[in-house]
Amino acid sequence: MNKHALSRIAQIAHLLALSIWLGAVAMSGVVAAIVFPLMRELEPTLGAYPNYEGDHALLAAGRVASKVFFAVDTIQFVCASLALATVVVLVVCGYSLNTLARVLRVIVLCMTLALLSYHLLLFMPGLMQMLQGYWDNAATGNTPVADRFKDEFLAQHSKASNILGVLALMVMVNIVIAGVTLTARPRAEA
């Protein structure tokens, strides 16, 4: 396979990875917007938490949403890895960083990867510890401690939402820049 064909395949794979990444993040917000009001409407009492005196609707919706967000984080990691790998392939195939748009493409991707790394490696582990404390204490019927963990989590919730919103925006910018530079050809070999 020649470098031009490999470059085209890398461009397509790059755009596909970014598009799936954006779709996953956007759908996680849609799922949350559906699950939480629906659980409130259903007013569940959860058999797995018989002695928990707190809000079972929030507990149920949180359990569902946490699985969705874990899946989305996995998709983000895979798509981000593919986006980075395809840019490396492009450069190896002769993709020249000789225009501002092409340099910006690499810089914005690196910034997006840095934010995703913060989200996955630094922010989410602490958030998941709070959720696990909430669920574990709710399961044992220790409502005051469970609610304390829940309140700590809720205090960080808007930051989590903001991070995902900024990630979605940055991925969208990556898609636009990649589209603008899509016609890039490998530089002529000497």
C-alpha atoms as a PDB file:
ATOM      1  CA  MET A   1       0.000   0.000   0.000  1.00  0.00           C
ATOM      2  CA  ASN A   2       1.444   3.370  -0.935  1.00  0.00           C
ATOM      3  CA  LYS A   3       1.746   6.279   1.483  1.00  0.00           C
ATOM      4  CA  HIS A   4      -1.028   8.243  -0.205  1.00  0.00           C
ATOM      5  CA  ALA A   5      -3.547   5.426   0.251  1.00  0.00           C
ATOM      6  CA  LEU A   6      -2.420   4.840   3.839  1.00  0.00           C
ATOM      7  CA  SER A   7      -2.739   8.569   4.481  1.00  0.00           C
ATOM      8  CA  ARG A   8      -6.328   8.549   3.179  1.00  0.00           C
ATOM      9  CA  ILE A   9      -7.215   5.553   5.337  1.00  0.00           C
ATOM     10  CA  ALA A  10      -5.700   7.296   8.361  1.00  0.00           C
ATOM     11  CA  GLN A  11      -7.707  10.466   7.604  1.00  0.00           C
ATOM     12  CA  ILE A  12     -10.945   8.468   7.415  1.00  0.00           C
ATOM     13  CA  ALA A  13     -10.152   6.480  10.575  1.00  0.00           C
ATOM     14  CA  HIS A  14      -9.268   9.728  12.368  1.00  0.00           C
ATOM     15  CA  LEU A  15     -12.588  11.370  11.468  1.00  0.00           C
ATOM     16  CA  LEU A  16     -14.485   8.207  12.335  1.00  0.00           C
ATOM     17  CA  ALA A  17     -12.811   7.981  15.767  1.00  0.00           C
ATOM     18  CA  LEU A  18     -13.568  11.637  16.497  1.00  0.00           C
ATOM     19  CA  SER A  19     -17.187  11.246  15.369  1.00  0.00           C
ATOM     20  CA  ILE A  20     -17.780   8.170  17.528  1.00  0.00           C
ATOM     21  CA  TRP A  21     -16.112   9.952  20.456  1.00  0.00           C
ATOM     22  CA  LEU A  22     -18.396  12.977  20.068  1.00  0.00           C
ATOM     23  CA  GLY A  23     -21.474  10.802  19.673  1.00  0.00           C
ATOM     24  CA  ALA A  24     -20.685   8.808  22.807  1.00  0.00           C
ATOM     25  CA  VAL A  25     -20.210  11.908  24.959  1.00  0.00           C
ATOM     26  CA  ALA A  26     -23.352  13.541  23.585  1.00  0.00           C
ATOM     27  CA  MET A  27     -25.447  10.406  24.116  1.00  0.00           C
ATOM     28  CA  SER A  28     -24.273  10.106  27.722  1.00  0.00           C
ATOM     29  CA  GLY A  29     -25.885  13.464  28.375  1.00  0.00           C
ATOM     30  CA  VAL A  30     -29.061  12.351  26.635  1.00  0.00           C
ATOM     31  CA  VAL A  31     -29.190   9.148  28.693  1.00  0.00           C
ATOM     32  CA  ALA A  32     -28.781  11.092  31.947  1.00  0.00           C
ATOM     33  CA  ALA A  33     -31.476  13.560  30.886  1.00  0.00           C
ATOM     34  CA  ILE A  34     -33.869  10.635  30.347  1.00  0.00           C
ATOM     35  CA  VAL A  35     -32.954   8.297  33.224  1.00  0.00           C
ATOM     36  CA  PHE A  36     -33.026  10.727  36.161  1.00  0.00           C
ATOM     37  CA  PRO A  37     -36.498  12.239  35.514  1.00  0.00           C
ATOM     38  CA  LEU A  38     -37.880   8.793  34.645  1.00  0.00           C
ATOM     39  CA  MET A  39     -36.667   7.329  37.945  1.00  0.00           C
ATOM     40  CA  ARG A  40     -38.220  10.248  39.826  1.00  0.00           C
ATOM     41  CA  GLU A  41     -41.500   9.555  38.062  1.00  0.00           C
ATOM     42  CA  LEU A  42     -41.349   5.820  38.832  1.00  0.00           C
ATOM     43  CA  GLU A  43     -40.551   6.372  42.542  1.00  0.00           C
ATOM     44  CA  PRO A  44     -38.747   3.030  42.923  1.00  0.00           C
ATOM     45  CA  THR A  45     -37.922   1.221  46.139  1.00  0.00           C
ATOM     46  CA  LEU A  46     -34.841  -0.896  45.554  1.00  0.00           C
ATOM     47  CA  GLY A  47     -34.726  -4.388  46.992  1.00  0.00           C
ATOM     48  CA  ALA A  48     -30.915  -4.303  47.065  1.00  0.00           C
ATOM     49  CA  TYR A  49     -31.111  -1.358  49.493  1.00  0.00           C
ATOM     50  CA  PRO A  50     -33.930  -2.360  51.878  1.00  0.00           C
ATOM     51  CA  ASN A  51     -32.707  -0.348  54.875  1.00  0.00           C
ATOM     52  CA  TYR A  52     -31.671   2.791  53.002  1.00  0.00           C
ATOM     53  CA  GLU A  53     -34.009   5.614  53.960  1.00  0.00           C
ATOM     54  CA  GLY A  54     -32.787   8.068  51.330  1.00  0.00           C
ATOM     55  CA  ASP A  55     -33.861   8.800  47.780  1.00  0.00           C
ATOM     56  CA  HIS A  56     -34.129   5.470  45.950  1.00  0.00           C
ATOM     57  CA  ALA A  57     -34.921   7.192  42.625  1.00  0.00           C
ATOM     58  CA  LEU A  58     -31.605   9.042  42.685  1.00  0.00           C
ATOM     59  CA  LEU A  59     -29.813   5.893  43.789  1.00  0.00           C
ATOM     60  CA  ALA A  60     -31.328   3.831  40.942  1.00  0.00           C
ATOM     61  CA  ALA A  61     -30.709   6.475  38.297  1.00  0.00           C
ATOM     62  CA  GLY A  62     -27.151   6.915  39.535  1.00  0.00           C
ATOM     63  CA  ARG A  63     -26.441   3.203  39.284  1.00  0.00           C
ATOM     64  CA  VAL A  64     -27.713   3.126  35.684  1.00  0.00           C
ATOM     65  CA  ALA A  65     -25.942   6.347  34.702  1.00  0.00           C
ATOM     66  CA  SER A  66     -22.632   5.221  36.212  1.00  0.00           C
ATOM     67  CA  LYS A  67     -22.631   2.169  33.914  1.00  0.00           C
ATOM     68  CA  VAL A  68     -23.353   4.397  30.913  1.00  0.00           C
ATOM     69  CA  PHE A  69     -20.605   6.857  31.844  1.00  0.00           C
ATOM     70  CA  PHE A  70     -18.108   4.020  32.377  1.00  0.00           C
ATOM     71  CA  ALA A  71     -18.916   2.736  28.881  1.00  0.00           C
ATOM     72  CA  VAL A  72     -18.554   6.265  27.490  1.00  0.00           C
ATOM     73  CA  ASP A  73     -15.186   6.699  29.202  1.00  0.00           C
ATOM     74  CA  THR A  74     -14.031   3.422  27.657  1.00  0.00           C
ATOM     75  CA  ILE A  75     -15.202   4.595  24.225  1.00  0.00           C
ATOM     76  CA  GLN A  76     -13.466   7.940  24.766  1.00  0.00           C
ATOM     77  CA  PHE A  77     -10.191   6.207  25.622  1.00  0.00           C
ATOM     78  CA  VAL A  78     -10.342   3.941  22.562  1.00  0.00           C
ATOM     79  CA  CYS A  79     -11.330   6.768  20.206  1.00  0.00           C
ATOM     80  CA  ALA A  80      -8.700   9.129  21.617  1.00  0.00           C
ATOM     81  CA  SER A  81      -6.026   6.447  21.181  1.00  0.00           C
ATOM     82  CA  LEU A  82      -7.140   5.876  17.603  1.00  0.00           C
ATOM     83  CA  ALA A  83      -7.215   9.623  16.883  1.00  0.00           C
ATOM     84  CA  LEU A  84      -3.659   9.990  18.172  1.00  0.00           C
ATOM     85  CA  ALA A  85      -2.428   6.889  16.330  1.00  0.00           C
ATOM     86  CA  THR A  86      -3.914   8.077  13.036  1.00  0.00           C
ATOM     87  CA  VAL A  87      -2.232  11.471  13.335  1.00  0.00           C
ATOM     88  CA  VAL A  88       1.066   9.685  13.929  1.00  0.00           C
ATOM     89  CA  VAL A  89       0.425   7.567  10.808  1.00  0.00           C
ATOM     90  CA  LEU A  90      -0.340  10.740   8.846  1.00  0.00           C
ATOM     91  CA  VAL A  91       2.939  12.352   9.896  1.00  0.00           C
ATOM     92  CA  VAL A  92       4.895   9.177   9.094  1.00  0.00           C
ATOM     93  CA  CYS A  93       3.206   9.125   5.668  1.00  0.00           C
ATOM     94  CA  GLY A  94       4.397  12.656   4.972  1.00  0.00           C
ATOM     95  CA  TYR A  95       1.609  14.831   6.378  1.00  0.00           C
ATOM     96  CA  SER A  96       3.406  18.136   6.577  1.00  0.00           C
ATOM     97  CA  LEU A  97       2.718  20.594   9.364  1.00  0.00           C
ATOM     98  CA  ASN A  98       3.346  23.464   6.959  1.00  0.00           C
ATOM     99  CA  THR A  99       0.082  25.372   7.504  1.00  0.00           C
ATOM    100  CA  LEU A 100      -1.479  26.965  10.548  1.00  0.00           C
ATOM    101  CA  ALA A 101      -4.542  24.692  10.261  1.00  0.00           C
ATOM    102  CA  ARG A 102      -2.383  21.575  10.308  1.00  0.00           C
ATOM    103  CA  VAL A 103      -0.368  22.761  13.304  1.00  0.00           C
ATOM    104  CA  LEU A 104      -3.595  23.773  15.026  1.00  0.00           C
ATOM    105  CA  ARG A 105      -4.979  20.299  14.329  1.00  0.00           C
ATOM    106  CA  VAL A 106      -2.157  18.686  16.298  1.00  0.00           C
ATOM    107  CA  ILE A 107      -2.266  21.274  19.097  1.00  0.00           C
ATOM    108  CA  VAL A 108      -6.039  21.009  19.603  1.00  0.00           C
ATOM    109  CA  LEU A 109      -5.856  17.217  19.570  1.00  0.00           C
ATOM    110  CA  CYS A 110      -3.108  17.318  22.217  1.00  0.00           C
ATOM    111  CA  MET A 111      -5.182  19.710  24.349  1.00  0.00           C
ATOM    112  CA  THR A 112      -8.206  17.421  24.010  1.00  0.00           C
ATOM    113  CA  LEU A 113      -6.123  14.398  24.980  1.00  0.00           C
ATOM    114  CA  ALA A 114      -4.755  16.295  27.987  1.00  0.00           C
ATOM    115  CA  LEU A 115      -8.278  17.122  29.210  1.00  0.00           C
ATOM    116  CA  LEU A 116      -9.399  13.536  28.648  1.00  0.00           C
ATOM    117  CA  SER A 117      -6.360  12.297  30.588  1.00  0.00           C
ATOM    118  CA  TYR A 118      -7.253  14.607  33.485  1.00  0.00           C
ATOM    119  CA  HIS A 119     -10.838  13.372  33.367  1.00  0.00           C
ATOM    120  CA  LEU A 120      -9.959   9.663  33.243  1.00  0.00           C
ATOM    121  CA  LEU A 121      -6.877   9.548  35.464  1.00  0.00           C
ATOM    122  CA  LEU A 122      -7.380  12.268  38.070  1.00  0.00           C
ATOM    123  CA  PHE A 123     -11.003  13.371  38.277  1.00  0.00           C
ATOM    124  CA  MET A 124     -13.046  10.202  37.758  1.00  0.00           C
ATOM    125  CA  PRO A 125     -11.277   7.956  40.305  1.00  0.00           C
ATOM    126  CA  GLY A 126     -12.213  10.357  43.127  1.00  0.00           C
ATOM    127  CA  LEU A 127     -15.746  10.668  41.845  1.00  0.00           C
ATOM    128  CA  MET A 128     -16.101   6.888  41.658  1.00  0.00           C
ATOM    129  CA  GLN A 129     -14.846   6.551  45.252  1.00  0.00           C
ATOM    130  CA  MET A 130     -17.611   8.893  46.364  1.00  0.00           C
ATOM    131  CA  LEU A 131     -20.206   6.882  44.452  1.00  0.00           C
ATOM    132  CA  GLN A 132     -18.904   3.584  45.815  1.00  0.00           C
ATOM    133  CA  GLY A 133     -19.070   4.981  49.358  1.00  0.00           C
ATOM    134  CA  TYR A 134     -22.640   6.087  48.683  1.00  0.00           C
ATOM    135  CA  TRP A 135     -23.682   2.704  47.316  1.00  0.00           C
ATOM    136  CA  ASP A 136     -21.861   0.635  49.949  1.00  0.00           C
ATOM    137  CA  ASN A 137     -23.333   2.588  52.853  1.00  0.00           C
ATOM    138  CA  ALA A 138     -26.796   2.613  51.292  1.00  0.00           C
ATOM    139  CA  ALA A 139     -26.579  -1.174  50.929  1.00  0.00           C
ATOM    140  CA  THR A 140     -25.831  -1.572  54.647  1.00  0.00           C
ATOM    141  CA  GLY A 141     -28.608   0.863  55.586  1.00  0.00           C
ATOM    142  CA  ASN A 142     -26.211   3.512  56.903  1.00  0.00           C
ATOM    143  CA  THR A 143     -28.277   6.379  55.487  1.00  0.00           C
ATOM    144  CA  PRO A 144     -26.437   9.323  57.136  1.00  0.00           C
ATOM    145  CA  VAL A 145     -23.022   8.215  55.825  1.00  0.00           C
ATOM    146  CA  ALA A 146     -24.472   7.245  52.427  1.00  0.00           C
ATOM    147  CA  ASP A 147     -26.074  10.666  52.111  1.00  0.00           C
ATOM    148  CA  ARG A 148     -22.810  12.354  53.072  1.00  0.00           C
ATOM    149  CA  PHE A 149     -21.067  10.540  50.182  1.00  0.00           C
ATOM    150  CA  LYS A 150     -24.001  11.418  47.908  1.00  0.00           C
ATOM    151  CA  ASP A 151     -23.717  15.101  48.846  1.00  0.00           C
ATOM    152  CA  GLU A 152     -19.955  15.070  48.172  1.00  0.00           C
ATOM    153  CA  PHE A 153     -20.638  13.542  44.773  1.00  0.00           C
ATOM    154  CA  LEU A 154     -23.380  16.049  43.954  1.00  0.00           C
ATOM    155  CA  ALA A 155     -21.012  18.892  44.872  1.00  0.00           C
ATOM    156  CA  GLN A 156     -18.658  17.637  42.119  1.00  0.00           C
ATOM    157  CA  HIS A 157     -21.392  16.804  39.599  1.00  0.00           C
ATOM    158  CA  SER A 158     -21.426  20.174  37.841  1.00  0.00           C
ATOM    159  CA  LYS A 159     -17.646  19.991  37.407  1.00  0.00           C
ATOM    160  CA  ALA A 160     -18.027  16.530  35.841  1.00  0.00           C
ATOM    161  CA  SER A 161     -20.736  17.843  33.512  1.00  0.00           C
ATOM    162  CA  ASN A 162     -18.573  20.814  32.569  1.00  0.00           C
ATOM    163  CA  ILE A 163     -15.594  18.580  31.788  1.00  0.00           C
ATOM    164  CA  LEU A 164     -17.721  16.394  29.510  1.00  0.00           C
ATOM    165  CA  GLY A 165     -19.225  19.478  27.862  1.00  0.00           C
ATOM    166  CA  VAL A 166     -15.797  20.949  27.167  1.00  0.00           C
ATOM    167  CA  LEU A 167     -14.573  17.565  25.894  1.00  0.00           C
ATOM    168  CA  ALA A 168     -17.517  17.390  23.490  1.00  0.00           C
ATOM    169  CA  LEU A 169     -16.803  20.931  22.277  1.00  0.00           C
ATOM    170  CA  MET A 170     -13.105  20.202  21.833  1.00  0.00           C
ATOM    171  CA  VAL A 171     -13.802  16.991  19.920  1.00  0.00           C
ATOM    172  CA  MET A 172     -16.181  18.948  17.696  1.00  0.00           C
ATOM    173  CA  VAL A 173     -13.428  21.501  17.024  1.00  0.00           C
ATOM    174  CA  ASN A 174     -11.091  18.602  16.201  1.00  0.00           C
ATOM    175  CA  ILE A 175     -13.612  17.326  13.663  1.00  0.00           C
ATOM    176  CA  VAL A 176     -13.912  20.740  12.024  1.00  0.00           C
ATOM    177  CA  ILE A 177     -10.145  21.231  11.833  1.00  0.00           C
ATOM    178  CA  ALA A 178      -9.648  17.682  10.529  1.00  0.00           C
ATOM    179  CA  GLY A 179     -12.286  18.363   7.879  1.00  0.00           C
ATOM    180  CA  VAL A 180     -10.553  21.569   6.827  1.00  0.00           C
ATOM    181  CA  THR A 181      -7.223  19.778   6.499  1.00  0.00           C
ATOM    182  CA  LEU A 182      -8.711  16.646   4.928  1.00  0.00           C
ATOM    183  CA  THR A 183      -7.371  17.462   1.491  1.00  0.00           C
ATOM    184  CA  ALA A 184      -3.781  17.370   2.744  1.00  0.00           C
ATOM    185  CA  ARG A 185      -1.502  15.277   0.579  1.00  0.00           C
ATOM    186  CA  PRO A 186       1.731  13.666   1.682  1.00  0.00           C
ATOM    187  CA  ARG A 187       4.716  15.871   0.843  1.00  0.00           C
ATOM    188  CA  ALA A 188       6.723  14.815  -2.152  1.00  0.00           C
ATOM    189  CA  GLU A 189       9.606  12.541  -1.314  1.00  0.00           C
ATOM    190  CA  ALA A 190      13.094  13.734  -2.170  1.00  0.00           C
END
